[in-house]
Amino acid sequence: MDELRERIAREGRNLGRGILKVDSFINHQVDASLMMAVGRELGRRFSHVGVSKVLTAEISGIAPALTTALALGVPVIYARKTKPITMPENVYRETAPSHTKGHMVELLVSPEVLQRHDRVLIVDDFLATGQTIAALARIVHQSGAALVGIGTVIEKTFEGGRAYLESLYQVPIESLVTITDMSNGLIVFGQ
C-alpha cells in the first residue's frame, strides 16, 4: 500500500530495539482517512473467507480492526486488558508479552460476543514476534470459533512473527507493508 509506505518513510521513527514509532498517524493520533484506506484494503484481501467477526487487542489494533470490520460489514471485538464489571465472571483469557510496554499483558474477551459459530479475522497494527496475535488466536480456539485469517498494517519480517504464526495456524496472513530491516537507525521496506 503506497500511501502507507510513504507515510512511514516520512513520519515513522526508528527508536532502536526494533521499535517503530508511528504515533502521528496510527498508534496515538489516527489519520482517519489513511485508516479507512487500510480497512478497505484489508477487507478486500479477506472478502473471500467468510468473516463474521474481526478481533483485535486493545488499544492500537482498534482503529485498523474497526475500519476492516466496517469494510466487511461485520462487528469488531477488542480484547480488553482489564476486566470491567460489565464483563461476565468467566471469560476467555490469555497473556502475551508487550514489546513496547516491557511486560506481559492480559487479554480478555467475553463469551457473550465471541461464540463457536463465528468465523474470526484477527487484525492488528503490527506483526512482529507474533505473540499477541497468537494469544488472540488461542482465545478464538477457546471459544470454539474458527480462525479464518490474520491481517496486519505493518509487518517487521526480521522478528520472525509470520513464520511463528504459519507454524501454528493454516490461515492466510496479509500485511499491508513489510519492513525487512531496522538496524543502524534504518527503516528498510520489503517488496
N, C-alpha and C. Protein backbone atom coordinates (compact mmCIF):
# COMPACT_ATOMS: atom_id res chain seq x y z
N MET A 1 0.85 -1.17 0.00
CA MET A 1 0.00 0.00 0.00
C MET A 1 0.89 1.24 0.00
N ASP A 2 0.95 1.91 -1.12
CA ASP A 2 1.90 3.00 -1.32
C ASP A 2 1.72 4.16 -0.35
N GLU A 3 0.46 4.55 -0.10
CA GLU A 3 0.20 5.68 0.80
C GLU A 3 0.74 5.40 2.20
N LEU A 4 0.54 4.19 2.67
CA LEU A 4 1.03 3.81 3.99
C LEU A 4 2.56 3.79 4.03
N ARG A 5 3.16 3.20 3.02
CA ARG A 5 4.62 3.14 2.92
C ARG A 5 5.23 4.55 2.92
N GLU A 6 4.64 5.44 2.14
CA GLU A 6 5.14 6.82 2.08
C GLU A 6 5.01 7.52 3.42
N ARG A 7 3.93 7.25 4.13
CA ARG A 7 3.71 7.89 5.43
C ARG A 7 4.73 7.38 6.45
N ILE A 8 5.01 6.09 6.43
CA ILE A 8 6.02 5.53 7.33
C ILE A 8 7.38 6.13 7.02
N ALA A 9 7.73 6.23 5.73
CA ALA A 9 9.02 6.79 5.32
C ALA A 9 9.15 8.25 5.77
N ARG A 10 8.06 9.00 5.68
CA ARG A 10 8.09 10.42 6.00
C ARG A 10 8.02 10.69 7.51
N GLU A 11 7.14 9.95 8.24
CA GLU A 11 6.88 10.29 9.63
C GLU A 11 7.29 9.22 10.64
N GLY A 12 7.53 7.99 10.18
CA GLY A 12 7.92 6.93 11.09
C GLY A 12 9.31 7.17 11.65
N ARG A 13 9.50 6.76 12.90
CA ARG A 13 10.82 6.93 13.53
C ARG A 13 11.29 5.60 14.10
N ASN A 14 12.50 5.25 13.78
CA ASN A 14 13.14 4.06 14.32
C ASN A 14 13.72 4.44 15.68
N LEU A 15 13.14 3.88 16.75
CA LEU A 15 13.59 4.20 18.10
C LEU A 15 14.63 3.22 18.63
N GLY A 16 15.06 2.28 17.77
CA GLY A 16 16.01 1.25 18.20
C GLY A 16 15.29 0.07 18.82
N ARG A 17 16.00 -1.04 18.99
CA ARG A 17 15.46 -2.28 19.55
C ARG A 17 14.23 -2.77 18.80
N GLY A 18 14.13 -2.44 17.50
CA GLY A 18 13.01 -2.91 16.68
C GLY A 18 11.72 -2.15 16.88
N ILE A 19 11.76 -1.02 17.55
CA ILE A 19 10.54 -0.25 17.81
C ILE A 19 10.40 0.84 16.74
N LEU A 20 9.27 0.79 16.04
CA LEU A 20 8.94 1.78 15.01
C LEU A 20 7.84 2.68 15.56
N LYS A 21 8.14 3.96 15.67
CA LYS A 21 7.16 4.92 16.19
C LYS A 21 6.34 5.46 15.02
N VAL A 22 5.04 5.18 15.06
CA VAL A 22 4.10 5.69 14.06
C VAL A 22 2.93 6.38 14.78
N ASP A 23 3.25 7.02 15.88
CA ASP A 23 2.26 7.66 16.75
C ASP A 23 1.50 8.80 16.07
N SER A 24 2.08 9.43 15.07
CA SER A 24 1.43 10.59 14.47
C SER A 24 0.32 10.22 13.50
N PHE A 25 0.19 8.92 13.14
CA PHE A 25 -0.86 8.56 12.19
C PHE A 25 -1.51 7.20 12.43
N ILE A 26 -0.96 6.35 13.35
CA ILE A 26 -1.58 5.05 13.62
C ILE A 26 -1.82 4.81 15.10
N ASN A 27 -0.80 4.97 15.95
CA ASN A 27 -0.87 4.48 17.32
C ASN A 27 -1.31 5.45 18.41
N HIS A 28 -1.29 6.73 18.15
CA HIS A 28 -1.70 7.68 19.18
C HIS A 28 -2.69 8.66 18.57
N GLN A 29 -2.22 9.33 17.54
CA GLN A 29 -3.11 10.12 16.69
C GLN A 29 -3.38 9.25 15.47
N VAL A 30 -4.64 9.12 15.10
CA VAL A 30 -5.00 8.26 13.97
C VAL A 30 -5.43 9.12 12.79
N ASP A 31 -4.79 8.92 11.66
CA ASP A 31 -5.21 9.56 10.42
C ASP A 31 -6.42 8.77 9.92
N ALA A 32 -7.61 9.32 10.11
CA ALA A 32 -8.83 8.59 9.80
C ALA A 32 -8.94 8.22 8.33
N SER A 33 -8.53 9.10 7.46
CA SER A 33 -8.59 8.82 6.02
C SER A 33 -7.65 7.67 5.65
N LEU A 34 -6.44 7.70 6.17
CA LEU A 34 -5.50 6.61 5.92
C LEU A 34 -6.03 5.31 6.52
N MET A 35 -6.61 5.38 7.72
CA MET A 35 -7.10 4.17 8.35
C MET A 35 -8.30 3.60 7.60
N MET A 36 -9.12 4.44 6.99
CA MET A 36 -10.22 3.94 6.16
C MET A 36 -9.65 3.19 4.95
N ALA A 37 -8.59 3.72 4.36
CA ALA A 37 -7.95 3.05 3.22
C ALA A 37 -7.36 1.71 3.66
N VAL A 38 -6.76 1.67 4.85
CA VAL A 38 -6.22 0.43 5.41
C VAL A 38 -7.34 -0.60 5.56
N GLY A 39 -8.45 -0.18 6.13
CA GLY A 39 -9.59 -1.09 6.33
C GLY A 39 -10.16 -1.61 5.02
N ARG A 40 -10.28 -0.72 4.04
CA ARG A 40 -10.78 -1.16 2.72
C ARG A 40 -9.86 -2.20 2.11
N GLU A 41 -8.54 -1.97 2.21
CA GLU A 41 -7.59 -2.91 1.61
C GLU A 41 -7.58 -4.25 2.34
N LEU A 42 -7.56 -4.22 3.67
CA LEU A 42 -7.63 -5.49 4.41
C LEU A 42 -8.96 -6.19 4.15
N GLY A 43 -10.04 -5.42 4.09
CA GLY A 43 -11.34 -6.00 3.78
C GLY A 43 -11.34 -6.67 2.41
N ARG A 44 -10.74 -6.02 1.43
CA ARG A 44 -10.66 -6.59 0.08
C ARG A 44 -9.88 -7.90 0.10
N ARG A 45 -8.76 -7.92 0.83
CA ARG A 45 -7.91 -9.11 0.86
C ARG A 45 -8.56 -10.29 1.56
N PHE A 46 -9.50 -10.02 2.47
CA PHE A 46 -10.14 -11.11 3.22
C PHE A 46 -11.63 -11.27 2.88
N SER A 47 -12.09 -10.66 1.82
CA SER A 47 -13.51 -10.72 1.47
C SER A 47 -13.97 -12.13 1.11
N HIS A 48 -13.06 -13.01 0.77
CA HIS A 48 -13.40 -14.36 0.30
C HIS A 48 -13.45 -15.42 1.41
N VAL A 49 -13.12 -15.07 2.66
CA VAL A 49 -13.00 -16.10 3.70
C VAL A 49 -14.22 -16.20 4.63
N GLY A 50 -15.25 -15.41 4.38
CA GLY A 50 -16.47 -15.54 5.17
C GLY A 50 -16.36 -15.06 6.60
N VAL A 51 -15.76 -13.91 6.82
CA VAL A 51 -15.56 -13.35 8.16
C VAL A 51 -16.91 -12.97 8.78
N SER A 52 -17.12 -13.35 10.05
CA SER A 52 -18.31 -12.89 10.78
C SER A 52 -17.95 -11.93 11.91
N LYS A 53 -16.68 -11.95 12.36
CA LYS A 53 -16.22 -11.03 13.40
C LYS A 53 -14.74 -10.71 13.14
N VAL A 54 -14.36 -9.48 13.47
CA VAL A 54 -12.96 -9.07 13.47
C VAL A 54 -12.54 -8.94 14.93
N LEU A 55 -11.38 -9.50 15.27
CA LEU A 55 -10.87 -9.48 16.65
C LEU A 55 -9.52 -8.78 16.68
N THR A 56 -9.32 -7.96 17.68
CA THR A 56 -8.04 -7.27 17.86
C THR A 56 -7.75 -7.13 19.35
N ALA A 57 -6.59 -6.56 19.65
CA ALA A 57 -6.20 -6.29 21.04
C ALA A 57 -6.33 -4.79 21.33
N GLU A 58 -6.77 -4.49 22.54
CA GLU A 58 -6.85 -3.11 22.99
C GLU A 58 -5.43 -2.55 23.03
N ILE A 59 -5.08 -1.47 22.57
CA ILE A 59 -5.80 -0.35 22.06
C ILE A 59 -5.37 -0.05 20.62
N SER A 60 -4.10 -0.25 20.30
CA SER A 60 -3.59 0.16 18.99
C SER A 60 -4.20 -0.58 17.82
N GLY A 61 -4.71 -1.77 18.05
CA GLY A 61 -5.32 -2.53 16.96
C GLY A 61 -6.75 -2.10 16.65
N ILE A 62 -7.36 -1.30 17.51
CA ILE A 62 -8.77 -0.97 17.34
C ILE A 62 -9.04 -0.21 16.04
N ALA A 63 -8.25 0.79 15.72
CA ALA A 63 -8.52 1.60 14.52
C ALA A 63 -8.49 0.75 13.24
N PRO A 64 -7.42 -0.02 12.97
CA PRO A 64 -7.45 -0.82 11.74
C PRO A 64 -8.50 -1.93 11.78
N ALA A 65 -8.76 -2.49 12.95
CA ALA A 65 -9.78 -3.54 13.06
C ALA A 65 -11.16 -2.97 12.79
N LEU A 66 -11.43 -1.79 13.32
CA LEU A 66 -12.74 -1.16 13.13
C LEU A 66 -12.98 -0.86 11.66
N THR A 67 -12.00 -0.29 10.97
CA THR A 67 -12.22 0.05 9.57
C THR A 67 -12.29 -1.20 8.69
N THR A 68 -11.58 -2.24 9.07
CA THR A 68 -11.67 -3.51 8.34
C THR A 68 -13.06 -4.12 8.54
N ALA A 69 -13.53 -4.12 9.78
CA ALA A 69 -14.87 -4.64 10.06
C ALA A 69 -15.93 -3.84 9.31
N LEU A 70 -15.76 -2.54 9.25
CA LEU A 70 -16.69 -1.70 8.51
C LEU A 70 -16.70 -2.09 7.03
N ALA A 71 -15.51 -2.29 6.47
CA ALA A 71 -15.41 -2.69 5.05
C ALA A 71 -16.06 -4.05 4.80
N LEU A 72 -15.97 -4.94 5.79
CA LEU A 72 -16.55 -6.29 5.64
C LEU A 72 -18.01 -6.36 6.09
N GLY A 73 -18.49 -5.32 6.75
CA GLY A 73 -19.87 -5.31 7.23
C GLY A 73 -20.13 -6.24 8.39
N VAL A 74 -19.13 -6.36 9.29
CA VAL A 74 -19.25 -7.26 10.45
C VAL A 74 -18.85 -6.50 11.72
N PRO A 75 -19.19 -7.04 12.91
CA PRO A 75 -18.77 -6.40 14.16
C PRO A 75 -17.27 -6.58 14.43
N VAL A 76 -16.74 -5.69 15.25
CA VAL A 76 -15.36 -5.81 15.72
C VAL A 76 -15.39 -6.04 17.22
N ILE A 77 -14.51 -6.92 17.68
CA ILE A 77 -14.33 -7.20 19.11
C ILE A 77 -12.91 -6.81 19.46
N TYR A 78 -12.73 -6.11 20.56
CA TYR A 78 -11.36 -5.91 21.02
C TYR A 78 -11.17 -6.57 22.37
N ALA A 79 -10.09 -7.32 22.46
CA ALA A 79 -9.73 -7.99 23.72
C ALA A 79 -9.33 -6.90 24.71
N ARG A 80 -9.99 -6.91 25.86
CA ARG A 80 -9.73 -5.93 26.91
C ARG A 80 -8.48 -6.32 27.68
N LYS A 81 -7.80 -5.33 28.24
CA LYS A 81 -6.62 -5.60 29.06
C LYS A 81 -6.95 -5.58 30.54
N THR A 82 -8.09 -5.02 30.89
CA THR A 82 -8.60 -5.07 32.26
C THR A 82 -10.07 -5.46 32.19
N LYS A 83 -10.54 -6.14 33.21
CA LYS A 83 -11.90 -6.68 33.21
C LYS A 83 -12.86 -5.66 33.82
N PRO A 84 -13.79 -5.14 33.01
CA PRO A 84 -14.78 -4.23 33.56
C PRO A 84 -15.85 -5.00 34.35
N ILE A 85 -16.58 -4.32 35.19
CA ILE A 85 -17.61 -5.00 35.98
C ILE A 85 -18.76 -5.51 35.12
N THR A 86 -18.87 -5.01 33.90
CA THR A 86 -19.94 -5.44 32.99
C THR A 86 -19.63 -6.77 32.30
N MET A 87 -18.39 -7.23 32.41
CA MET A 87 -17.99 -8.48 31.76
C MET A 87 -18.33 -9.64 32.69
N PRO A 88 -18.83 -10.77 32.13
CA PRO A 88 -19.17 -11.91 33.00
C PRO A 88 -17.95 -12.45 33.75
N GLU A 89 -18.20 -13.23 34.76
CA GLU A 89 -17.12 -13.78 35.59
C GLU A 89 -16.19 -14.68 34.77
N ASN A 90 -16.76 -15.58 33.99
CA ASN A 90 -15.95 -16.49 33.18
C ASN A 90 -15.73 -15.89 31.80
N VAL A 91 -14.47 -15.64 31.47
CA VAL A 91 -14.12 -15.03 30.19
C VAL A 91 -13.02 -15.84 29.52
N TYR A 92 -12.83 -15.60 28.23
CA TYR A 92 -11.67 -16.15 27.54
C TYR A 92 -10.50 -15.26 27.92
N ARG A 93 -9.39 -15.89 28.35
CA ARG A 93 -8.27 -15.13 28.92
C ARG A 93 -6.96 -15.71 28.41
N GLU A 94 -6.07 -14.82 27.94
CA GLU A 94 -4.71 -15.20 27.53
C GLU A 94 -3.76 -14.08 27.90
N THR A 95 -2.47 -14.39 27.89
CA THR A 95 -1.46 -13.36 28.13
C THR A 95 -0.48 -13.36 26.97
N ALA A 96 0.15 -12.19 26.78
CA ALA A 96 1.16 -12.04 25.73
C ALA A 96 2.16 -10.98 26.18
N PRO A 97 3.43 -11.13 25.77
CA PRO A 97 4.41 -10.10 26.10
C PRO A 97 4.19 -8.86 25.24
N SER A 98 4.31 -7.69 25.83
CA SER A 98 4.21 -6.43 25.10
C SER A 98 5.61 -5.89 24.89
N HIS A 99 5.99 -5.76 23.63
CA HIS A 99 7.33 -5.25 23.29
C HIS A 99 7.49 -3.79 23.72
N THR A 100 6.44 -2.98 23.52
CA THR A 100 6.56 -1.56 23.84
C THR A 100 6.32 -1.27 25.32
N LYS A 101 5.57 -2.14 26.02
CA LYS A 101 5.33 -1.91 27.45
C LYS A 101 6.38 -2.61 28.32
N GLY A 102 7.03 -3.63 27.78
CA GLY A 102 8.08 -4.31 28.52
C GLY A 102 7.60 -5.30 29.56
N HIS A 103 6.34 -5.74 29.49
CA HIS A 103 5.84 -6.74 30.44
C HIS A 103 4.70 -7.52 29.78
N MET A 104 4.22 -8.53 30.49
CA MET A 104 3.10 -9.34 29.99
C MET A 104 1.80 -8.54 30.12
N VAL A 105 0.93 -8.70 29.13
CA VAL A 105 -0.39 -8.09 29.21
C VAL A 105 -1.43 -9.19 29.13
N GLU A 106 -2.53 -8.98 29.83
CA GLU A 106 -3.62 -9.94 29.81
C GLU A 106 -4.62 -9.48 28.76
N LEU A 107 -5.20 -10.44 28.04
CA LEU A 107 -6.21 -10.16 27.03
C LEU A 107 -7.48 -10.92 27.42
N LEU A 108 -8.61 -10.22 27.47
CA LEU A 108 -9.87 -10.80 27.93
C LEU A 108 -10.97 -10.55 26.90
N VAL A 109 -11.73 -11.60 26.61
CA VAL A 109 -12.88 -11.48 25.70
C VAL A 109 -14.06 -12.19 26.34
N SER A 110 -15.20 -11.54 26.30
CA SER A 110 -16.43 -12.12 26.85
C SER A 110 -16.99 -13.19 25.92
N PRO A 111 -17.45 -14.30 26.48
CA PRO A 111 -18.12 -15.31 25.65
C PRO A 111 -19.45 -14.81 25.09
N GLU A 112 -19.93 -13.68 25.60
CA GLU A 112 -21.16 -13.10 25.06
C GLU A 112 -20.98 -12.56 23.65
N VAL A 113 -19.73 -12.20 23.28
CA VAL A 113 -19.50 -11.59 21.97
C VAL A 113 -18.73 -12.48 21.00
N LEU A 114 -18.10 -13.54 21.51
CA LEU A 114 -17.35 -14.45 20.65
C LEU A 114 -17.86 -15.86 20.89
N GLN A 115 -18.47 -16.44 19.86
CA GLN A 115 -19.14 -17.73 20.03
C GLN A 115 -18.66 -18.73 18.99
N ARG A 116 -19.00 -19.98 19.22
CA ARG A 116 -18.45 -21.07 18.41
C ARG A 116 -18.86 -21.01 16.94
N HIS A 117 -19.93 -20.36 16.59
CA HIS A 117 -20.33 -20.27 15.18
C HIS A 117 -19.59 -19.17 14.42
N ASP A 118 -18.79 -18.35 15.13
CA ASP A 118 -18.11 -17.22 14.48
C ASP A 118 -16.92 -17.66 13.63
N ARG A 119 -16.69 -16.87 12.58
CA ARG A 119 -15.53 -17.02 11.70
C ARG A 119 -14.71 -15.73 11.86
N VAL A 120 -13.54 -15.85 12.47
CA VAL A 120 -12.82 -14.70 13.01
C VAL A 120 -11.59 -14.33 12.19
N LEU A 121 -11.51 -13.05 11.88
CA LEU A 121 -10.32 -12.45 11.28
C LEU A 121 -9.64 -11.63 12.37
N ILE A 122 -8.38 -11.94 12.66
CA ILE A 122 -7.60 -11.14 13.61
C ILE A 122 -6.92 -10.02 12.84
N VAL A 123 -7.06 -8.79 13.33
CA VAL A 123 -6.41 -7.63 12.72
C VAL A 123 -5.63 -6.92 13.81
N ASP A 124 -4.39 -6.56 13.51
CA ASP A 124 -3.59 -5.80 14.47
C ASP A 124 -2.75 -4.77 13.73
N ASP A 125 -2.22 -3.80 14.47
CA ASP A 125 -1.41 -2.77 13.83
C ASP A 125 -0.06 -3.32 13.39
N PHE A 126 0.57 -4.17 14.21
CA PHE A 126 1.89 -4.71 13.89
C PHE A 126 1.90 -6.23 13.95
N LEU A 127 2.68 -6.83 13.09
CA LEU A 127 3.10 -8.23 13.22
C LEU A 127 4.61 -8.19 13.41
N ALA A 128 5.05 -8.52 14.62
CA ALA A 128 6.48 -8.54 14.94
C ALA A 128 6.86 -9.97 15.31
N THR A 129 6.79 -10.31 16.58
CA THR A 129 7.10 -11.68 17.01
C THR A 129 5.90 -12.61 16.85
N GLY A 130 4.72 -12.04 16.73
CA GLY A 130 3.50 -12.83 16.59
C GLY A 130 2.87 -13.26 17.90
N GLN A 131 3.44 -12.86 19.01
CA GLN A 131 2.96 -13.32 20.32
C GLN A 131 1.56 -12.81 20.66
N THR A 132 1.28 -11.54 20.39
CA THR A 132 -0.05 -11.00 20.69
C THR A 132 -1.10 -11.65 19.79
N ILE A 133 -0.77 -11.78 18.52
CA ILE A 133 -1.71 -12.40 17.58
C ILE A 133 -1.95 -13.86 17.97
N ALA A 134 -0.91 -14.57 18.38
CA ALA A 134 -1.08 -15.96 18.81
C ALA A 134 -1.97 -16.04 20.05
N ALA A 135 -1.84 -15.09 20.97
CA ALA A 135 -2.72 -15.07 22.15
C ALA A 135 -4.17 -14.84 21.73
N LEU A 136 -4.40 -13.97 20.77
CA LEU A 136 -5.75 -13.75 20.25
C LEU A 136 -6.27 -15.02 19.58
N ALA A 137 -5.41 -15.70 18.84
CA ALA A 137 -5.81 -16.95 18.18
C ALA A 137 -6.17 -18.02 19.22
N ARG A 138 -5.46 -18.05 20.34
CA ARG A 138 -5.81 -19.00 21.40
C ARG A 138 -7.18 -18.68 22.00
N ILE A 139 -7.50 -17.40 22.08
CA ILE A 139 -8.83 -17.01 22.54
C ILE A 139 -9.89 -17.49 21.55
N VAL A 140 -9.63 -17.35 20.26
CA VAL A 140 -10.56 -17.86 19.25
C VAL A 140 -10.75 -19.36 19.46
N HIS A 141 -9.65 -20.08 19.67
CA HIS A 141 -9.71 -21.52 19.89
C HIS A 141 -10.53 -21.86 21.15
N GLN A 142 -10.30 -21.12 22.23
CA GLN A 142 -11.07 -21.34 23.47
C GLN A 142 -12.57 -21.23 23.22
N SER A 143 -12.95 -20.29 22.37
CA SER A 143 -14.37 -20.05 22.12
C SER A 143 -15.01 -21.11 21.23
N GLY A 144 -14.18 -21.88 20.53
CA GLY A 144 -14.69 -22.86 19.58
C GLY A 144 -14.95 -22.27 18.21
N ALA A 145 -14.70 -20.97 18.03
CA ALA A 145 -14.89 -20.31 16.74
C ALA A 145 -13.77 -20.72 15.79
N ALA A 146 -13.91 -20.35 14.52
CA ALA A 146 -12.91 -20.66 13.50
C ALA A 146 -12.07 -19.43 13.20
N LEU A 147 -10.75 -19.58 13.25
CA LEU A 147 -9.84 -18.53 12.80
C LEU A 147 -9.74 -18.65 11.29
N VAL A 148 -10.05 -17.55 10.56
CA VAL A 148 -10.05 -17.62 9.10
C VAL A 148 -8.99 -16.74 8.45
N GLY A 149 -8.28 -15.92 9.24
CA GLY A 149 -7.23 -15.09 8.67
C GLY A 149 -6.61 -14.17 9.69
N ILE A 150 -5.45 -13.63 9.30
CA ILE A 150 -4.72 -12.67 10.13
C ILE A 150 -4.28 -11.53 9.22
N GLY A 151 -4.66 -10.31 9.58
CA GLY A 151 -4.28 -9.13 8.81
C GLY A 151 -3.59 -8.11 9.68
N THR A 152 -2.50 -7.53 9.16
CA THR A 152 -1.78 -6.52 9.91
C THR A 152 -1.47 -5.32 9.02
N VAL A 153 -1.29 -4.19 9.66
CA VAL A 153 -0.94 -2.98 8.94
C VAL A 153 0.54 -3.01 8.56
N ILE A 154 1.40 -3.26 9.55
CA ILE A 154 2.85 -3.25 9.34
C ILE A 154 3.45 -4.54 9.87
N GLU A 155 4.27 -5.19 9.06
CA GLU A 155 4.96 -6.41 9.49
C GLU A 155 6.47 -6.14 9.52
N LYS A 156 7.08 -6.45 10.66
CA LYS A 156 8.54 -6.40 10.78
C LYS A 156 9.04 -7.82 10.57
N THR A 157 9.41 -8.13 9.33
CA THR A 157 9.73 -9.51 8.95
C THR A 157 10.94 -10.05 9.70
N PHE A 158 11.84 -9.19 10.11
CA PHE A 158 13.07 -9.61 10.79
C PHE A 158 12.82 -10.13 12.20
N GLU A 159 11.60 -10.00 12.72
CA GLU A 159 11.29 -10.51 14.06
C GLU A 159 10.67 -11.91 14.04
N GLY A 160 10.40 -12.45 12.86
CA GLY A 160 10.01 -13.85 12.73
C GLY A 160 8.58 -14.21 13.06
N GLY A 161 7.71 -13.23 13.24
CA GLY A 161 6.34 -13.50 13.63
C GLY A 161 5.54 -14.29 12.61
N ARG A 162 5.73 -14.00 11.33
CA ARG A 162 4.97 -14.71 10.30
C ARG A 162 5.29 -16.20 10.33
N ALA A 163 6.57 -16.54 10.38
CA ALA A 163 6.96 -17.96 10.41
C ALA A 163 6.38 -18.64 11.65
N TYR A 164 6.42 -17.95 12.78
CA TYR A 164 5.86 -18.50 14.01
C TYR A 164 4.36 -18.78 13.85
N LEU A 165 3.61 -17.80 13.33
CA LEU A 165 2.17 -17.97 13.16
C LEU A 165 1.85 -19.03 12.11
N GLU A 166 2.62 -19.06 11.03
CA GLU A 166 2.40 -20.07 9.99
C GLU A 166 2.64 -21.48 10.52
N SER A 167 3.54 -21.61 11.50
CA SER A 167 3.79 -22.93 12.08
C SER A 167 2.62 -23.39 12.96
N LEU A 168 1.79 -22.46 13.42
CA LEU A 168 0.68 -22.78 14.31
C LEU A 168 -0.68 -22.84 13.61
N TYR A 169 -0.87 -21.99 12.61
CA TYR A 169 -2.19 -21.81 12.00
C TYR A 169 -2.09 -21.86 10.49
N GLN A 170 -2.99 -22.57 9.87
CA GLN A 170 -3.03 -22.66 8.42
C GLN A 170 -4.11 -21.72 7.89
N VAL A 171 -3.86 -20.42 8.02
CA VAL A 171 -4.79 -19.39 7.54
C VAL A 171 -4.01 -18.35 6.75
N PRO A 172 -4.68 -17.61 5.87
CA PRO A 172 -3.97 -16.55 5.16
C PRO A 172 -3.51 -15.46 6.12
N ILE A 173 -2.29 -14.97 5.88
CA ILE A 173 -1.73 -13.86 6.65
C ILE A 173 -1.37 -12.77 5.66
N GLU A 174 -1.93 -11.59 5.87
CA GLU A 174 -1.70 -10.45 4.98
C GLU A 174 -1.18 -9.26 5.77
N SER A 175 -0.13 -8.62 5.25
CA SER A 175 0.39 -7.39 5.83
C SER A 175 0.44 -6.34 4.73
N LEU A 176 0.02 -5.12 5.04
CA LEU A 176 -0.04 -4.08 4.03
C LEU A 176 1.32 -3.51 3.68
N VAL A 177 2.22 -3.47 4.66
CA VAL A 177 3.59 -3.00 4.44
C VAL A 177 4.51 -3.92 5.22
N THR A 178 5.64 -4.29 4.61
CA THR A 178 6.64 -5.08 5.33
C THR A 178 7.92 -4.26 5.48
N ILE A 179 8.53 -4.42 6.64
CA ILE A 179 9.82 -3.79 6.93
C ILE A 179 10.80 -4.92 7.19
N THR A 180 11.88 -4.93 6.44
CA THR A 180 12.83 -6.04 6.50
C THR A 180 14.04 -5.76 7.37
N ASP A 181 14.29 -4.50 7.70
CA ASP A 181 15.49 -4.18 8.49
C ASP A 181 15.30 -2.85 9.19
N MET A 182 15.67 -2.82 10.47
CA MET A 182 15.66 -1.57 11.22
C MET A 182 16.98 -1.38 11.95
N SER A 183 18.03 -2.04 11.49
CA SER A 183 19.33 -1.87 12.13
C SER A 183 19.94 -0.53 11.74
N ASN A 184 20.82 -0.03 12.57
CA ASN A 184 21.54 1.22 12.32
C ASN A 184 20.63 2.41 12.03
N GLY A 185 19.47 2.44 12.67
CA GLY A 185 18.56 3.56 12.51
C GLY A 185 17.77 3.58 11.22
N LEU A 186 17.89 2.54 10.41
CA LEU A 186 17.20 2.48 9.12
C LEU A 186 15.76 1.99 9.25
N ILE A 187 14.98 2.25 8.22
CA ILE A 187 13.68 1.63 8.02
C ILE A 187 13.68 1.15 6.58
N VAL A 188 13.91 -0.16 6.39
CA VAL A 188 14.03 -0.73 5.06
C VAL A 188 12.76 -1.51 4.74
N PHE A 189 12.11 -1.14 3.65
CA PHE A 189 10.85 -1.76 3.25
C PHE A 189 11.10 -2.99 2.39
N GLY A 190 10.21 -3.98 2.54
CA GLY A 190 10.21 -5.15 1.69
C GLY A 190 9.40 -4.86 0.44
N GLN A 191 9.25 -5.88 -0.40
CA GLN A 191 8.51 -5.70 -1.64
C GLN A 191 7.07 -5.52 -1.41
